[in-house]
Amino acid sequence: MSIKNKNFRFVIIDPEFYARLLICAVFLIVIFTQSKYALAKTRELKQTEKNSSLVSKLDEMKERLVSKLDKMKEKLPPKPSILPEPDNAQLILQGTQVEEGISYALINSKIYKEGDFIGNYLVTKVGNGMVSLENKTNKAIVNLYLYSRDFVK
């Protein structure tokens, strides 16, 4: 047997060798565990940074959405005016006028155009000295003429 084999056998049998081997194994396990923990914490930190950057952009995104909504509202046609329907009221046509291609009617001292509502009635047509109204519930059509006193109920 050579001297190298004897030394090798001596190292393996030596109890101090086992203690050193055990300490090295423990150190390797600790280092591996810490690196895995550090990697998990790094991922968590990156996710937190990503979330905080999104939170900081939230106000900016909200402002952009509000401005887009305002622009969209400007493009929408105006809502027709809806007035409460007076009980047994007389609707009196007091005048009609066409301005820039839009016909207007003066009924009971208020101005209406096609598409507006007077109580339960929709202004369907405004002509020269005449207005057609359509009842929303029963689809009855009522015509008002200049200075007429028609009951619309």
Protein backbone atom coordinates (compact mmCIF):
# COMPACT_ATOMS: atom_id res chain seq x y z
CA MET A 1 0.00 0.00 0.00
CA SER A 2 1.25 3.38 -0.83
CA ILE A 3 1.59 6.29 1.53
CA LYS A 4 -1.24 8.18 -0.20
CA ASN A 5 -3.71 5.37 0.50
CA LYS A 6 -2.63 5.24 4.15
CA ASN A 7 -3.13 9.00 4.54
CA PHE A 8 -6.47 8.82 2.81
CA ARG A 9 -7.60 6.00 5.09
CA PHE A 10 -6.39 7.95 8.10
CA VAL A 11 -8.38 11.06 7.07
CA ILE A 12 -11.58 9.08 6.59
CA ILE A 13 -11.25 7.31 9.93
CA ASP A 14 -10.28 10.46 11.83
CA PRO A 15 -13.26 11.78 13.91
CA GLU A 16 -12.08 15.37 13.42
CA PHE A 17 -12.55 14.89 9.67
CA TYR A 18 -16.20 14.01 10.19
CA ALA A 19 -16.70 17.05 12.41
CA ARG A 20 -15.17 19.32 9.76
CA LEU A 21 -17.24 17.64 7.04
CA LEU A 22 -20.39 18.15 9.12
CA ILE A 23 -19.56 21.83 9.70
CA CYS A 24 -18.97 22.34 5.96
CA ALA A 25 -22.30 20.69 5.17
CA VAL A 26 -24.10 22.91 7.68
CA PHE A 27 -22.44 26.01 6.17
CA LEU A 28 -23.48 24.93 2.68
CA ILE A 29 -27.07 24.39 3.80
CA VAL A 30 -27.15 27.79 5.53
CA ILE A 31 -25.69 29.53 2.48
CA PHE A 32 -28.14 27.79 0.13
CA THR A 33 -31.12 28.65 2.36
CA GLN A 34 -30.05 32.29 2.68
CA SER A 35 -29.55 32.67 -1.05
CA LYS A 36 -32.99 31.18 -1.72
CA TYR A 37 -34.54 33.51 0.89
CA ALA A 38 -32.69 36.51 -0.58
CA LEU A 39 -33.94 35.62 -4.07
CA ALA A 40 -37.54 35.41 -2.82
CA LYS A 41 -37.20 38.75 -1.02
CA THR A 42 -35.73 40.32 -4.18
CA ARG A 43 -38.70 39.12 -6.22
CA GLU A 44 -41.10 40.44 -3.58
CA LEU A 45 -39.31 43.81 -3.55
CA LYS A 46 -39.50 44.07 -7.35
CA GLN A 47 -43.23 43.32 -7.25
CA THR A 48 -43.72 45.94 -4.52
CA GLU A 49 -41.80 48.52 -6.58
CA LYS A 50 -43.91 47.66 -9.62
CA ASN A 51 -47.12 48.05 -7.60
CA SER A 52 -45.99 51.35 -6.09
CA SER A 53 -45.13 52.70 -9.54
CA LEU A 54 -48.64 51.75 -10.70
CA VAL A 55 -50.15 53.48 -7.66
CA SER A 56 -48.18 56.63 -8.43
CA LYS A 57 -49.47 56.53 -12.03
CA LEU A 58 -53.07 56.04 -10.85
CA ASP A 59 -53.79 59.76 -10.46
CA GLU A 60 -52.33 60.47 -13.90
CA MET A 61 -54.43 57.70 -15.49
CA LYS A 62 -57.54 58.99 -13.70
CA GLU A 63 -56.94 62.52 -15.02
CA ARG A 64 -56.49 61.19 -18.57
CA LEU A 65 -59.72 59.18 -18.34
CA VAL A 66 -61.64 62.16 -16.97
CA SER A 67 -60.35 64.41 -19.78
CA LYS A 68 -61.29 61.78 -22.39
CA LEU A 69 -64.74 61.48 -20.84
CA ASP A 70 -65.16 65.26 -20.93
CA LYS A 71 -64.18 65.32 -24.61
CA MET A 72 -66.68 62.54 -25.33
CA LYS A 73 -69.42 64.43 -23.49
CA GLU A 74 -68.71 67.52 -25.62
CA LYS A 75 -69.27 65.46 -28.79
CA LEU A 76 -72.60 64.05 -27.59
CA PRO A 77 -75.74 65.79 -28.79
CA PRO A 78 -77.54 67.72 -26.07
CA LYS A 79 -80.12 65.78 -24.10
CA PRO A 80 -83.71 66.63 -24.93
CA SER A 81 -85.36 68.67 -22.24
CA ILE A 82 -87.81 66.64 -20.19
CA LEU A 83 -90.40 68.63 -18.32
CA PRO A 84 -92.98 67.29 -15.92
CA GLU A 85 -96.36 66.92 -17.57
CA PRO A 86 -98.81 69.40 -16.11
CA ASP A 87 -102.27 68.04 -15.26
CA ASN A 88 -104.96 69.05 -17.77
CA ALA A 89 -102.61 71.66 -19.18
CA GLN A 90 -103.19 73.58 -22.37
CA LEU A 91 -100.25 73.69 -24.72
CA ILE A 92 -100.29 76.88 -26.73
CA LEU A 93 -98.06 77.30 -29.75
CA GLN A 94 -96.93 80.91 -29.72
CA GLY A 95 -94.47 80.84 -32.64
CA THR A 96 -92.02 78.89 -34.80
CA GLN A 97 -88.64 79.82 -36.25
CA VAL A 98 -85.89 78.21 -38.30
CA GLU A 99 -82.34 79.20 -37.39
CA GLU A 100 -79.22 77.64 -38.95
CA GLY A 101 -81.29 74.72 -40.23
CA ILE A 102 -82.81 73.95 -36.81
CA SER A 103 -86.53 74.53 -36.28
CA TYR A 104 -87.63 75.94 -32.94
CA ALA A 105 -91.10 76.25 -31.43
CA LEU A 106 -92.28 78.57 -28.68
CA ILE A 107 -94.85 76.66 -26.61
CA ASN A 108 -96.20 78.11 -23.36
CA SER A 109 -93.35 80.69 -23.35
CA LYS A 110 -90.66 77.99 -23.56
CA ILE A 111 -88.47 77.12 -26.55
CA TYR A 112 -88.40 73.55 -27.89
CA LYS A 113 -86.86 71.83 -30.90
CA GLU A 114 -87.40 68.46 -32.55
CA GLY A 115 -86.44 65.68 -30.13
CA ASP A 116 -87.33 67.62 -26.98
CA PHE A 117 -89.97 66.36 -24.56
CA ILE A 118 -92.90 68.31 -23.15
CA GLY A 119 -94.04 66.13 -20.32
CA ASN A 120 -95.06 62.81 -21.89
CA TYR A 121 -94.96 64.18 -25.45
CA LEU A 122 -92.08 64.16 -27.91
CA VAL A 123 -91.71 67.07 -30.34
CA THR A 124 -91.54 65.16 -33.62
CA LYS A 125 -91.82 67.98 -36.17
CA VAL A 126 -91.63 71.75 -36.11
CA GLY A 127 -92.97 73.38 -39.26
CA ASN A 128 -94.08 76.84 -40.34
CA GLY A 129 -96.73 77.75 -37.75
CA MET A 130 -97.26 74.11 -36.72
CA VAL A 131 -95.82 71.53 -34.29
CA SER A 132 -96.44 67.75 -34.13
CA LEU A 133 -96.25 66.02 -30.77
CA GLU A 134 -96.27 62.25 -30.17
CA ASN A 135 -97.45 60.71 -26.92
CA LYS A 136 -94.79 58.28 -25.62
CA THR A 137 -97.27 55.92 -24.01
CA ASN A 138 -100.03 55.49 -26.62
CA LYS A 139 -98.23 56.91 -29.71
CA ALA A 140 -101.08 59.39 -30.34
CA ILE A 141 -100.08 62.35 -32.51
CA VAL A 142 -101.27 65.84 -31.62
CA ASN A 143 -100.77 68.83 -33.91
CA LEU A 144 -100.53 72.34 -32.50
CA TYR A 145 -101.14 75.30 -34.77
CA LEU A 146 -100.14 78.88 -34.24
CA TYR A 147 -102.40 80.45 -31.58
CA SER A 148 -104.39 77.25 -31.08
CA ARG A 149 -105.62 76.15 -27.68
CA ASP A 150 -105.57 72.36 -27.97
CA PHE A 151 -105.75 70.20 -24.88
CA VAL A 152 -102.95 67.65 -24.81
CA LYS A 153 -103.76 65.01 -22.23
